[in-house]
């Protein structure tokens, strides 16, 4: 009876490790997929800060991180 219990527990441990590894691999693949489809970054013309294009302000073909820098550049 002890041998059967040992093999059953060993089988459960191997199965649990296999499932844990598979879940980690899927999570890693999803993370890499999200990061590869990221948004374009632009550099502020005043301070050179990189900002996502959707958050940046554009004026005269140049990109700015905030309204203050956009106004400063136009002065």
Protein backbone atom coordinates (compact mmCIF):
# COMPACT_ATOMS: atom_id res chain seq x y z
CA UNK A 1 0.00 0.00 0.00
CA UNK A 2 2.88 2.37 0.78
CA UNK A 3 4.36 1.97 -2.71
CA UNK A 4 1.06 2.80 -4.40
CA UNK A 5 0.66 5.92 -2.27
CA UNK A 6 4.24 6.95 -3.09
CA UNK A 7 3.66 6.64 -6.86
CA UNK A 8 0.33 8.44 -6.69
CA UNK A 9 1.87 11.34 -4.75
CA UNK A 10 4.85 11.44 -7.10
CA UNK A 11 2.50 11.54 -10.08
CA UNK A 12 0.50 14.38 -8.52
CA UNK A 13 3.67 16.35 -7.80
CA UNK A 14 4.90 15.93 -11.39
CA UNK A 15 1.48 16.96 -12.73
CA UNK A 16 1.40 20.04 -10.45
CA UNK A 17 4.90 21.10 -11.58
CA UNK A 18 3.98 20.58 -15.22
CA UNK A 19 0.81 22.70 -14.85
CA UNK A 20 2.72 25.43 -13.00
CA UNK A 21 5.37 25.54 -15.74
CA UNK A 22 2.73 25.63 -18.51
CA UNK A 23 0.86 28.52 -16.85
CA UNK A 24 4.11 30.49 -16.41
CA UNK A 25 4.98 29.97 -20.09
CA UNK A 26 1.55 31.20 -21.25
CA UNK A 27 1.81 34.28 -19.01
CA UNK A 28 5.28 35.05 -20.36
CA UNK A 29 4.07 34.68 -23.96
CA UNK A 30 1.15 37.05 -23.31
CA UNK A 31 3.47 39.62 -21.72
CA UNK A 32 5.86 39.50 -24.67
CA UNK A 33 2.95 39.78 -27.10
CA UNK A 34 1.66 42.90 -25.38
CA UNK A 35 5.06 44.56 -25.28
CA UNK A 36 5.75 43.86 -28.96
CA UNK A 37 2.52 45.61 -29.99
CA UNK A 38 3.40 48.73 -28.01
CA UNK A 39 2.78 52.29 -28.98
CA UNK A 40 5.17 54.60 -30.81
CA UNK A 41 7.24 56.88 -28.59
CA UNK A 42 8.21 60.44 -29.49
CA UNK A 43 10.82 62.71 -27.96
CA UNK A 44 9.92 66.10 -26.52
CA UNK A 45 11.65 68.80 -28.55
CA UNK A 46 12.50 70.80 -25.39
CA UNK A 47 13.55 68.29 -22.73
CA UNK A 48 14.06 65.12 -24.86
CA UNK A 49 11.72 63.10 -22.62
CA UNK A 50 10.27 60.09 -24.43
CA UNK A 51 6.47 60.13 -24.32
CA UNK A 52 3.86 57.83 -25.92
CA UNK A 53 2.60 59.50 -29.08
CA UNK A 54 -1.01 59.40 -27.85
CA UNK A 55 -0.05 61.53 -24.81
CA UNK A 56 2.30 63.94 -26.60
CA UNK A 57 1.34 67.35 -27.95
CA UNK A 58 2.20 68.28 -31.52
CA UNK A 59 2.84 71.74 -32.95
CA UNK A 60 4.60 72.75 -36.18
CA UNK A 61 5.67 69.18 -36.83
CA UNK A 62 7.38 68.84 -33.44
CA UNK A 63 6.42 66.83 -30.36
CA UNK A 64 6.20 68.07 -26.76
CA UNK A 65 5.59 66.31 -23.43
CA UNK A 66 3.42 69.08 -21.94
CA UNK A 67 1.69 72.33 -22.83
CA UNK A 68 4.33 74.39 -21.02
CA UNK A 69 7.09 73.05 -23.29
CA UNK A 70 4.93 73.58 -26.36
CA UNK A 71 4.37 77.24 -25.36
CA UNK A 72 8.06 77.70 -24.47
CA UNK A 73 9.12 76.51 -27.90
CA UNK A 74 6.71 78.85 -29.70
CA UNK A 75 8.03 81.94 -27.84
